[in-house]
């Protein structure tokens, strides 16, 4: 019982440490990079849940972390330069393709 409590306490402490690093890490970044990091994390989580490697830009704007068009475009440009995403245009429809290596789902 004591070992289980110790293990549980360790997991809680590790979670809090991870969250503080994530929170304070984003605060230390310039706004453009923080937006890109937030979008990157959201895209990866969304694609893993949906078992997909792409998502419509309008869907991202409606449901993602960045609703402002200019900030979203800047974040997409940043992630494109880092080879994390690619923006594909098909007429007026735009799709964000996430680097497949980032969304590999293990079963």
N, C-alpha and C. Protein backbone atom coordinates (compact mmCIF):
# COMPACT_ATOMS: atom_id res chain seq x y z
N UNK A 1 0.83 -1.19 0.00
CA UNK A 1 0.00 0.00 0.00
C UNK A 1 0.87 1.26 0.00
N UNK A 2 1.92 1.29 0.83
CA UNK A 2 2.80 2.46 0.88
C UNK A 2 3.52 2.65 -0.45
N UNK A 3 3.89 1.55 -1.10
CA UNK A 3 4.57 1.65 -2.38
C UNK A 3 3.63 2.24 -3.45
N UNK A 4 2.35 1.83 -3.42
CA UNK A 4 1.38 2.38 -4.36
C UNK A 4 1.18 3.88 -4.12
N UNK A 5 1.12 4.30 -2.88
CA UNK A 5 0.96 5.72 -2.56
C UNK A 5 2.17 6.51 -3.02
N UNK A 6 3.35 5.97 -2.81
CA UNK A 6 4.58 6.63 -3.24
C UNK A 6 4.61 6.77 -4.76
N UNK A 7 4.23 5.70 -5.45
CA UNK A 7 4.19 5.71 -6.91
C UNK A 7 3.18 6.74 -7.41
N UNK A 8 2.02 6.78 -6.81
CA UNK A 8 1.00 7.75 -7.19
C UNK A 8 1.45 9.18 -6.96
N UNK A 9 2.10 9.43 -5.83
CA UNK A 9 2.60 10.76 -5.53
C UNK A 9 3.68 11.17 -6.54
N UNK A 10 4.49 10.22 -6.94
CA UNK A 10 5.52 10.51 -7.94
C UNK A 10 4.92 10.89 -9.28
N UNK A 11 3.86 10.19 -9.66
CA UNK A 11 3.20 10.52 -10.93
C UNK A 11 2.56 11.91 -10.88
N UNK A 12 1.96 12.25 -9.76
CA UNK A 12 1.34 13.57 -9.61
C UNK A 12 2.40 14.66 -9.68
N UNK A 13 3.52 14.45 -8.99
CA UNK A 13 4.61 15.44 -9.01
C UNK A 13 5.17 15.59 -10.42
N UNK A 14 5.33 14.47 -11.14
CA UNK A 14 5.86 14.53 -12.50
C UNK A 14 4.90 15.28 -13.41
N UNK A 15 3.60 15.07 -13.25
CA UNK A 15 2.61 15.78 -14.07
C UNK A 15 2.71 17.28 -13.82
N UNK A 16 2.79 17.68 -12.55
CA UNK A 16 2.88 19.11 -12.23
C UNK A 16 4.17 19.73 -12.78
N UNK A 17 5.25 18.99 -12.71
CA UNK A 17 6.51 19.47 -13.27
C UNK A 17 6.39 19.66 -14.78
N UNK A 18 5.81 18.68 -15.45
CA UNK A 18 5.62 18.78 -16.90
C UNK A 18 4.75 19.99 -17.25
N UNK A 19 3.65 20.18 -16.54
CA UNK A 19 2.76 21.30 -16.81
C UNK A 19 3.44 22.65 -16.56
N UNK A 20 4.24 22.75 -15.51
CA UNK A 20 4.92 24.02 -15.24
C UNK A 20 5.96 24.31 -16.32
N UNK A 21 6.67 23.27 -16.78
CA UNK A 21 7.63 23.48 -17.87
C UNK A 21 6.92 23.93 -19.13
N UNK A 22 5.79 23.30 -19.43
CA UNK A 22 5.03 23.66 -20.62
C UNK A 22 4.52 25.09 -20.51
N UNK A 23 3.94 25.43 -19.37
CA UNK A 23 3.38 26.77 -19.18
C UNK A 23 4.46 27.84 -19.23
N UNK A 24 5.50 27.68 -18.44
CA UNK A 24 6.54 28.70 -18.40
C UNK A 24 7.39 28.71 -19.65
N UNK A 25 7.50 27.59 -20.33
CA UNK A 25 8.22 27.54 -21.60
C UNK A 25 7.52 28.38 -22.64
N UNK A 26 6.19 28.32 -22.69
CA UNK A 26 5.45 29.12 -23.65
C UNK A 26 5.54 30.60 -23.31
N UNK A 27 5.58 30.94 -22.02
CA UNK A 27 5.69 32.35 -21.63
C UNK A 27 7.02 32.95 -22.05
N UNK A 28 8.07 32.13 -22.07
CA UNK A 28 9.39 32.63 -22.41
C UNK A 28 9.56 32.81 -23.92
N UNK A 29 8.70 32.21 -24.70
CA UNK A 29 8.80 32.31 -26.16
C UNK A 29 8.18 33.61 -26.66
N UNK A 30 8.68 34.13 -27.78
CA UNK A 30 7.98 35.23 -28.43
C UNK A 30 6.57 34.75 -28.81
N UNK A 31 5.62 35.68 -28.91
CA UNK A 31 4.23 35.33 -29.17
C UNK A 31 4.06 34.48 -30.41
N UNK A 32 4.81 34.77 -31.49
CA UNK A 32 4.68 34.02 -32.73
C UNK A 32 5.10 32.56 -32.54
N UNK A 33 6.17 32.35 -31.80
CA UNK A 33 6.64 30.98 -31.58
C UNK A 33 5.72 30.24 -30.61
N UNK A 34 5.19 30.96 -29.62
CA UNK A 34 4.24 30.33 -28.69
C UNK A 34 2.99 29.90 -29.45
N UNK A 35 2.51 30.74 -30.37
CA UNK A 35 1.36 30.37 -31.19
C UNK A 35 1.67 29.13 -32.02
N UNK A 36 2.84 29.09 -32.62
CA UNK A 36 3.23 27.95 -33.44
C UNK A 36 3.32 26.68 -32.58
N UNK A 37 3.87 26.80 -31.38
CA UNK A 37 3.97 25.64 -30.49
C UNK A 37 2.59 25.15 -30.08
N UNK A 38 1.70 26.07 -29.77
CA UNK A 38 0.34 25.71 -29.38
C UNK A 38 -0.39 25.03 -30.54
N UNK A 39 -0.26 25.60 -31.75
CA UNK A 39 -0.89 25.01 -32.93
C UNK A 39 -0.31 23.64 -33.24
N UNK A 40 1.00 23.51 -33.14
CA UNK A 40 1.68 22.24 -33.40
C UNK A 40 1.13 21.16 -32.48
N UNK A 41 1.05 21.45 -31.20
CA UNK A 41 0.56 20.48 -30.22
C UNK A 41 -0.90 20.10 -30.54
N UNK A 42 -1.72 21.10 -30.87
CA UNK A 42 -3.13 20.83 -31.17
C UNK A 42 -3.27 19.97 -32.42
N UNK A 43 -2.51 20.31 -33.47
CA UNK A 43 -2.60 19.55 -34.72
C UNK A 43 -2.21 18.08 -34.51
N UNK A 44 -1.14 17.85 -33.77
CA UNK A 44 -0.69 16.48 -33.54
C UNK A 44 -1.74 15.70 -32.75
N UNK A 45 -2.25 16.30 -31.68
CA UNK A 45 -3.27 15.62 -30.87
C UNK A 45 -4.53 15.36 -31.69
N UNK A 46 -4.96 16.35 -32.46
CA UNK A 46 -6.17 16.18 -33.29
C UNK A 46 -5.97 15.06 -34.31
N UNK A 47 -4.86 15.07 -35.01
CA UNK A 47 -4.62 14.06 -36.03
C UNK A 47 -4.48 12.67 -35.42
N UNK A 48 -3.88 12.56 -34.25
CA UNK A 48 -3.79 11.25 -33.61
C UNK A 48 -5.17 10.74 -33.22
N UNK A 49 -6.01 11.62 -32.67
CA UNK A 49 -7.37 11.21 -32.30
C UNK A 49 -8.18 10.80 -33.53
N UNK A 50 -8.04 11.58 -34.60
CA UNK A 50 -8.81 11.33 -35.83
C UNK A 50 -8.16 10.26 -36.71
N UNK A 51 -6.97 9.82 -36.33
CA UNK A 51 -6.20 8.86 -37.14
C UNK A 51 -6.06 9.37 -38.58
N UNK A 52 -5.62 10.62 -38.67
CA UNK A 52 -5.44 11.29 -39.97
C UNK A 52 -4.13 12.04 -39.93
N UNK A 53 -3.69 12.50 -41.10
CA UNK A 53 -2.47 13.30 -41.14
C UNK A 53 -2.74 14.69 -41.70
N UNK A 54 -4.01 15.01 -41.92
CA UNK A 54 -4.33 16.34 -42.42
C UNK A 54 -5.66 16.80 -41.84
N UNK A 55 -5.84 18.12 -41.88
CA UNK A 55 -7.07 18.71 -41.37
C UNK A 55 -7.33 20.00 -42.14
N UNK A 56 -8.59 20.29 -42.41
CA UNK A 56 -8.94 21.50 -43.13
C UNK A 56 -8.59 22.75 -42.32
N UNK A 57 -8.09 23.75 -43.00
CA UNK A 57 -7.70 24.98 -42.32
C UNK A 57 -8.89 25.64 -41.64
N UNK A 58 -10.07 25.60 -42.27
CA UNK A 58 -11.26 26.17 -41.64
C UNK A 58 -11.61 25.45 -40.35
N UNK A 59 -11.44 24.13 -40.32
CA UNK A 59 -11.70 23.36 -39.11
C UNK A 59 -10.73 23.80 -38.00
N UNK A 60 -9.48 23.98 -38.36
CA UNK A 60 -8.48 24.42 -37.38
C UNK A 60 -8.86 25.80 -36.84
N UNK A 61 -9.28 26.67 -37.73
CA UNK A 61 -9.64 28.03 -37.29
C UNK A 61 -10.86 28.00 -36.37
N UNK A 62 -11.80 27.12 -36.63
CA UNK A 62 -13.01 27.05 -35.81
C UNK A 62 -12.78 26.32 -34.49
N UNK A 63 -11.95 25.29 -34.50
CA UNK A 63 -11.83 24.42 -33.33
C UNK A 63 -10.45 24.43 -32.68
N UNK A 64 -9.47 25.00 -33.35
CA UNK A 64 -8.10 24.98 -32.84
C UNK A 64 -7.82 26.10 -31.86
N UNK A 65 -6.57 26.23 -31.47
CA UNK A 65 -6.19 27.20 -30.45
C UNK A 65 -6.07 28.64 -30.95
N UNK A 66 -6.03 28.84 -32.27
CA UNK A 66 -5.85 30.18 -32.84
C UNK A 66 -7.02 30.52 -33.75
N UNK A 67 -7.85 31.45 -33.33
CA UNK A 67 -9.02 31.83 -34.12
C UNK A 67 -8.72 33.02 -35.04
N UNK A 68 -7.75 33.84 -34.63
CA UNK A 68 -7.39 35.02 -35.42
C UNK A 68 -6.65 34.57 -36.69
N UNK A 69 -7.14 35.01 -37.84
CA UNK A 69 -6.60 34.56 -39.13
C UNK A 69 -5.11 34.90 -39.28
N UNK A 70 -4.73 36.13 -38.92
CA UNK A 70 -3.33 36.54 -39.10
C UNK A 70 -2.40 35.71 -38.21
N UNK A 71 -2.81 35.47 -36.96
CA UNK A 71 -1.97 34.67 -36.06
C UNK A 71 -1.90 33.22 -36.52
N UNK A 72 -3.02 32.69 -37.01
CA UNK A 72 -3.03 31.33 -37.52
C UNK A 72 -2.11 31.20 -38.74
N UNK A 73 -2.21 32.16 -39.67
CA UNK A 73 -1.35 32.13 -40.85
C UNK A 73 0.13 32.21 -40.47
N UNK A 74 0.46 33.06 -39.51
CA UNK A 74 1.85 33.19 -39.07
C UNK A 74 2.35 31.88 -38.44
N UNK A 75 1.50 31.24 -37.65
CA UNK A 75 1.88 29.97 -37.01
C UNK A 75 2.07 28.88 -38.07
N UNK A 76 1.19 28.84 -39.06
CA UNK A 76 1.33 27.86 -40.13
C UNK A 76 2.63 28.10 -40.90
N UNK A 77 2.95 29.36 -41.19
CA UNK A 77 4.22 29.67 -41.88
C UNK A 77 5.41 29.18 -41.06
N UNK A 78 5.38 29.43 -39.76
CA UNK A 78 6.48 28.99 -38.88
C UNK A 78 6.61 27.47 -38.90
N UNK A 79 5.50 26.77 -38.77
CA UNK A 79 5.54 25.30 -38.78
C UNK A 79 5.94 24.75 -40.14
N UNK A 80 5.60 25.47 -41.21
CA UNK A 80 6.01 25.07 -42.55
C UNK A 80 7.52 25.19 -42.69
N UNK A 81 8.08 26.28 -42.18
CA UNK A 81 9.54 26.47 -42.24
C UNK A 81 10.28 25.40 -41.45
N UNK A 82 9.63 24.87 -40.41
CA UNK A 82 10.25 23.84 -39.59
C UNK A 82 9.97 22.42 -40.11
N UNK A 83 9.31 22.34 -41.27
CA UNK A 83 8.95 21.07 -41.91
C UNK A 83 8.04 20.21 -41.03
N UNK A 84 7.21 20.86 -40.23
CA UNK A 84 6.26 20.14 -39.39
C UNK A 84 4.90 20.03 -40.07
N UNK A 85 4.58 20.99 -40.93
CA UNK A 85 3.33 20.94 -41.69
C UNK A 85 3.58 21.42 -43.11
N UNK A 86 2.56 21.17 -43.94
CA UNK A 86 2.56 21.69 -45.31
C UNK A 86 1.14 22.15 -45.59
N UNK A 87 0.99 23.31 -46.21
CA UNK A 87 -0.33 23.82 -46.56
C UNK A 87 -0.61 23.47 -48.01
N UNK A 88 -1.69 22.72 -48.24
CA UNK A 88 -2.08 22.31 -49.58
C UNK A 88 -3.34 23.08 -49.97
N UNK A 89 -3.34 23.63 -51.17
CA UNK A 89 -4.48 24.39 -51.66
C UNK A 89 -5.11 23.65 -52.82
N UNK A 90 -6.43 23.51 -52.74
CA UNK A 90 -7.21 22.89 -53.80
C UNK A 90 -8.38 23.82 -54.09
N UNK A 91 -8.16 24.74 -55.03
CA UNK A 91 -9.14 25.80 -55.26
C UNK A 91 -9.16 26.72 -54.05
N UNK A 92 -10.33 26.91 -53.46
CA UNK A 92 -10.42 27.74 -52.27
C UNK A 92 -10.18 26.95 -50.99
N UNK A 93 -10.27 25.63 -51.07
CA UNK A 93 -10.08 24.79 -49.89
C UNK A 93 -8.60 24.67 -49.57
N UNK A 94 -8.27 24.87 -48.30
CA UNK A 94 -6.90 24.73 -47.84
C UNK A 94 -6.84 23.65 -46.76
N UNK A 95 -5.86 22.79 -46.89
CA UNK A 95 -5.68 21.68 -45.95
C UNK A 95 -4.28 21.76 -45.36
N UNK A 96 -4.22 21.55 -44.06
CA UNK A 96 -2.92 21.51 -43.37
C UNK A 96 -2.54 20.04 -43.25
N UNK A 97 -1.43 19.69 -43.86
CA UNK A 97 -0.92 18.32 -43.79
C UNK A 97 0.20 18.29 -42.75
N UNK A 98 0.02 17.46 -41.74
CA UNK A 98 1.01 17.33 -40.68
C UNK A 98 2.04 16.29 -41.11
N UNK A 99 3.30 16.57 -40.83
CA UNK A 99 4.36 15.62 -41.13
C UNK A 99 3.97 14.26 -40.55
N UNK A 100 3.86 13.23 -41.39
CA UNK A 100 3.38 11.92 -40.93
C UNK A 100 4.20 11.34 -39.78
N UNK A 101 5.47 11.67 -39.70
CA UNK A 101 6.30 11.16 -38.61
C UNK A 101 5.87 11.70 -37.25
N UNK A 102 5.16 12.82 -37.25
CA UNK A 102 4.73 13.43 -35.99
C UNK A 102 3.43 12.86 -35.47
N UNK A 103 2.66 12.23 -36.35
CA UNK A 103 1.35 11.74 -35.93
C UNK A 103 1.24 10.23 -35.94
N UNK A 104 2.36 9.55 -36.00
CA UNK A 104 2.31 8.10 -36.00
C UNK A 104 1.66 7.62 -34.71
N UNK A 105 0.61 6.81 -34.86
CA UNK A 105 -0.12 6.29 -33.71
C UNK A 105 0.34 4.87 -33.48
N UNK A 106 0.77 4.60 -32.26
CA UNK A 106 1.17 3.23 -31.93
C UNK A 106 -0.03 2.50 -31.37
N UNK A 107 -0.16 1.26 -31.74
CA UNK A 107 -1.30 0.46 -31.26
C UNK A 107 -0.85 -0.60 -30.31
